[in-house]
Protein backbone atom coordinates (compact mmCIF):
# COMPACT_ATOMS: atom_id res chain seq x y z
CA UNK A 1 48.61 122.94 94.36
CA UNK A 2 52.39 123.04 93.86
CA UNK A 3 52.93 123.42 97.60
CA UNK A 4 50.69 120.40 98.25
CA UNK A 5 52.67 118.30 95.77
CA UNK A 6 55.95 119.24 97.44
CA UNK A 7 54.52 118.40 100.86
CA UNK A 8 53.31 114.98 99.65
CA UNK A 9 56.71 114.30 98.04
CA UNK A 10 58.55 115.20 101.24
CA UNK A 11 56.25 112.96 103.28
CA UNK A 12 56.82 110.03 100.88
CA UNK A 13 60.60 110.52 101.07
CA UNK A 14 60.45 110.68 104.85
CA UNK A 15 58.41 107.48 105.09
CA UNK A 16 60.73 105.74 102.64
CA UNK A 17 63.75 106.79 104.70
CA UNK A 18 62.14 105.47 107.87
CA UNK A 19 61.32 102.17 106.16
CA UNK A 20 64.88 101.83 104.79
CA UNK A 21 66.37 102.58 108.18
CA UNK A 22 64.11 99.97 109.79
CA UNK A 23 65.14 97.40 107.18
CA UNK A 24 68.83 98.18 107.65
CA UNK A 25 68.51 97.83 111.41
CA UNK A 26 66.78 94.46 110.98
CA UNK A 27 69.55 93.19 108.67
CA UNK A 28 72.33 94.38 110.97
CA UNK A 29 70.61 92.86 113.99
CA UNK A 30 70.09 89.52 112.22
CA UNK A 31 73.72 89.31 111.14
CA UNK A 32 74.94 90.26 114.61
CA UNK A 33 72.78 87.57 116.21
CA UNK A 34 73.93 85.01 113.64
CA UNK A 35 77.58 85.70 114.51
CA UNK A 36 76.82 85.20 118.19
CA UNK A 37 75.06 81.91 117.51
CA UNK A 38 77.92 80.82 115.24
CA UNK A 39 80.45 81.52 118.00
CA UNK A 40 78.38 79.34 120.31
CA UNK A 41 78.15 76.65 117.59
CA UNK A 42 74.37 77.04 117.46
CA UNK A 43 74.36 76.90 113.69
CA UNK A 44 70.67 76.14 113.18
CA UNK A 45 69.73 79.27 115.13
CA UNK A 46 72.27 81.33 113.18
CA UNK A 47 70.77 80.08 109.92
CA UNK A 48 67.27 80.90 111.08
CA UNK A 49 68.23 84.52 111.88
CA UNK A 50 69.32 85.07 108.28
CA UNK A 51 66.39 83.15 106.79
CA UNK A 52 63.92 85.31 108.71
CA UNK A 53 65.10 88.28 106.65
CA UNK A 54 63.68 86.63 103.51
CA UNK A 55 66.48 88.31 101.60
CA UNK A 56 67.93 86.64 98.48
CA UNK A 57 70.75 89.17 98.17
CA UNK A 58 74.41 88.24 97.81
CA UNK A 59 75.38 88.82 101.43
CA UNK A 60 72.58 86.64 102.82
CA UNK A 61 73.24 83.83 100.33
CA UNK A 62 76.96 83.90 101.13
CA UNK A 63 76.28 83.85 104.87
CA UNK A 64 73.81 80.98 104.53
CA UNK A 65 76.32 79.07 102.43
CA UNK A 66 78.89 79.26 105.22
CA UNK A 67 76.47 78.56 108.05
CA UNK A 68 74.94 75.55 106.29
CA UNK A 69 78.45 74.19 105.72
CA UNK A 70 79.17 74.50 109.45
CA UNK A 71 75.84 72.81 110.14
CA UNK A 72 76.88 69.90 107.87
CA UNK A 73 73.99 70.74 105.52
CA UNK A 74 76.30 70.47 102.54
CA UNK A 75 73.74 70.31 99.72
CA UNK A 76 71.98 73.40 101.10
CA UNK A 77 75.35 75.11 101.47
CA UNK A 78 76.22 74.45 97.82
CA UNK A 79 72.81 75.79 96.75
CA UNK A 80 73.33 79.04 98.68
CA UNK A 81 76.88 79.55 97.44
CA UNK A 82 75.66 78.86 93.89
CA UNK A 83 73.06 81.62 94.29
CA UNK A 84 75.77 83.99 95.57
CA UNK A 85 77.99 83.20 92.57
CA UNK A 86 75.05 83.77 90.24
CA UNK A 87 74.50 87.21 91.77
CA UNK A 88 78.20 88.15 91.76
CA UNK A 89 79.99 86.06 89.08
CA UNK A 90 83.38 87.66 89.79
CA UNK A 91 83.21 86.89 93.50
CA UNK A 92 86.33 84.97 94.49
CA UNK A 93 85.14 84.58 98.09
CA UNK A 94 81.96 82.78 97.05
CA UNK A 95 83.89 80.39 94.80
CA UNK A 96 86.40 79.70 97.58
CA UNK A 97 83.48 79.18 99.95
CA UNK A 98 81.67 76.64 97.79
CA UNK A 99 84.80 74.48 97.75
CA UNK A 100 84.22 73.57 101.42
CA UNK A 101 80.85 71.82 101.04
CA UNK A 102 81.92 70.38 97.67
CA UNK A 103 84.95 68.88 99.40
CA UNK A 104 82.72 67.42 102.13
CA UNK A 105 80.59 65.89 99.36
CA UNK A 106 83.70 64.57 97.58
CA UNK A 107 82.92 66.47 94.39
CA UNK A 108 86.47 67.25 93.29
CA UNK A 109 85.62 67.86 89.64
CA UNK A 110 83.39 70.79 90.60
CA UNK A 111 86.03 72.09 93.01
CA UNK A 112 88.62 72.12 90.24
CA UNK A 113 86.09 73.84 87.98
CA UNK A 114 85.56 76.58 90.58
CA UNK A 115 89.30 76.98 91.11
CA UNK A 116 89.83 77.34 87.37
CA UNK A 117 87.16 80.05 87.30
CA UNK A 118 88.96 81.87 90.12
CA UNK A 119 92.25 81.70 88.21
CA UNK A 120 90.53 83.30 85.21
CA UNK A 121 89.51 86.17 87.49
CA UNK A 122 92.66 86.25 89.60
CA UNK A 123 95.52 84.25 87.98
CA UNK A 124 97.94 84.98 90.83
CA UNK A 125 95.62 83.91 93.63
CA UNK A 126 98.07 82.21 96.00
CA UNK A 127 95.46 80.14 97.84
CA UNK A 128 94.02 78.61 94.69
CA UNK A 129 97.42 78.06 93.07
CA UNK A 130 98.55 76.23 96.19
CA UNK A 131 95.40 74.10 96.32
CA UNK A 132 95.62 73.28 92.60
CA UNK A 133 99.26 72.29 93.15
CA UNK A 134 98.23 70.02 96.01
CA UNK A 135 95.47 68.40 93.94
CA UNK A 136 97.87 67.90 91.02
CA UNK A 137 100.54 66.44 93.31
CA UNK A 138 98.04 64.05 94.88
CA UNK A 139 97.09 62.92 91.36
CA UNK A 140 100.82 62.46 90.56
CA UNK A 141 100.61 65.20 87.96
CA UNK A 142 103.92 66.73 89.00
CA UNK A 143 104.33 68.96 85.94
CA UNK A 144 101.13 70.86 86.72
CA UNK A 145 101.89 70.73 90.43
CA UNK A 146 105.14 72.57 89.71
CA UNK A 147 103.35 75.14 87.54
CA UNK A 148 100.89 76.03 90.28
CA UNK A 149 103.16 75.83 93.32
CA UNK A 150 105.77 77.99 91.65
CA UNK A 151 103.32 80.89 91.61
CA UNK A 152 102.36 80.44 95.26
CA UNK A 153 105.97 79.98 96.39
CA UNK A 154 107.17 83.04 94.51
CA UNK A 155 104.47 85.16 96.13
CA UNK A 156 105.19 83.79 99.63
CA UNK A 157 108.82 82.61 99.54
CA UNK A 158 109.01 82.02 103.30
CA UNK A 159 105.73 80.14 103.65
CA UNK A 160 106.18 76.60 105.00
CA UNK A 161 103.31 74.92 103.13
CA UNK A 162 104.42 76.28 99.76
CA UNK A 163 108.10 75.54 100.40
CA UNK A 164 107.62 71.92 101.45
CA UNK A 165 105.16 71.13 98.65
CA UNK A 166 107.47 72.79 96.13
CA UNK A 167 110.36 70.69 97.52
CA UNK A 168 108.44 67.40 97.20
CA UNK A 169 107.35 68.34 93.68
CA UNK A 170 110.96 69.02 92.67
CA UNK A 171 111.98 65.72 94.23
CA UNK A 172 109.34 63.82 92.25
CA UNK A 173 110.58 65.50 89.06
CA UNK A 174 114.13 64.40 89.82
CA UNK A 175 115.40 67.93 90.44
CA UNK A 176 117.30 66.94 93.56
CA UNK A 177 119.48 70.02 94.04
CA UNK A 178 116.47 72.33 93.91
CA UNK A 179 114.53 70.00 96.19
CA UNK A 180 117.36 70.04 98.72
CA UNK A 181 117.41 73.85 98.80
CA UNK A 182 113.65 73.95 99.31
CA UNK A 183 113.61 71.27 102.02
CA UNK A 184 116.31 73.24 103.82
CA UNK A 185 114.21 76.37 103.55
CA UNK A 186 111.23 74.48 104.99
CA UNK A 187 113.42 73.55 107.97
CA UNK A 188 114.36 77.19 108.43
CA UNK A 189 110.67 78.02 108.68
CA UNK A 190 109.72 74.95 110.73
CA UNK A 191 112.75 73.42 112.49
CA UNK A 192 112.88 69.61 112.73
CA UNK A 193 109.90 69.27 110.39
CA UNK A 194 109.32 65.56 109.73
CA UNK A 195 108.28 65.98 106.10
CA UNK A 196 111.33 68.07 105.19
CA UNK A 197 113.71 65.72 107.03
CA UNK A 198 112.17 62.73 105.25
CA UNK A 199 112.66 64.44 101.90
CA UNK A 200 116.32 65.22 102.63
CA UNK A 201 116.97 61.59 103.57
CA UNK A 202 115.67 60.49 100.18
CA UNK A 203 118.08 62.82 98.41
CA UNK A 204 121.23 61.67 100.26
């Protein structure tokens, strides 16, 4: 009897392993095909490959979020990214991802909300600090723009985007000497840059 039980157990494990391997192969194949379709800009077909898996896991939701964004199905994209965030609340990539369709929909309040959540998880995230600085600058909130861009610029001191935004922020705050140094740095990174040259003219 004991031998029979062991045999049955081994058979069950073997069948389970075969089933798992088959599932894994199907997932890998679907993702591979979806990447090929994405490269060819056949987004609807790429979406369909993932949907056929009938998998509500994080990876599939994240992938569908991106593909639906590319397909200009922004509401569907937001829904998929929202599912991904619900499954992995500390996922920075999903929160960065959802900003794309939200931007296309013009929902800036939700974008800011997502960025604030990312900064709770990762306070030094350079991408989000830069984007929050840009949003603040656009809203003429130069104090907060300085707070955010300072973090990004300190992490990437020789990055053009951070340097030029930092320079304009300093200029708007009346810190002309600091602005001049930063505009000059921007020109070191990107010679003859129109934005930096314009800023320097305003200081002279």
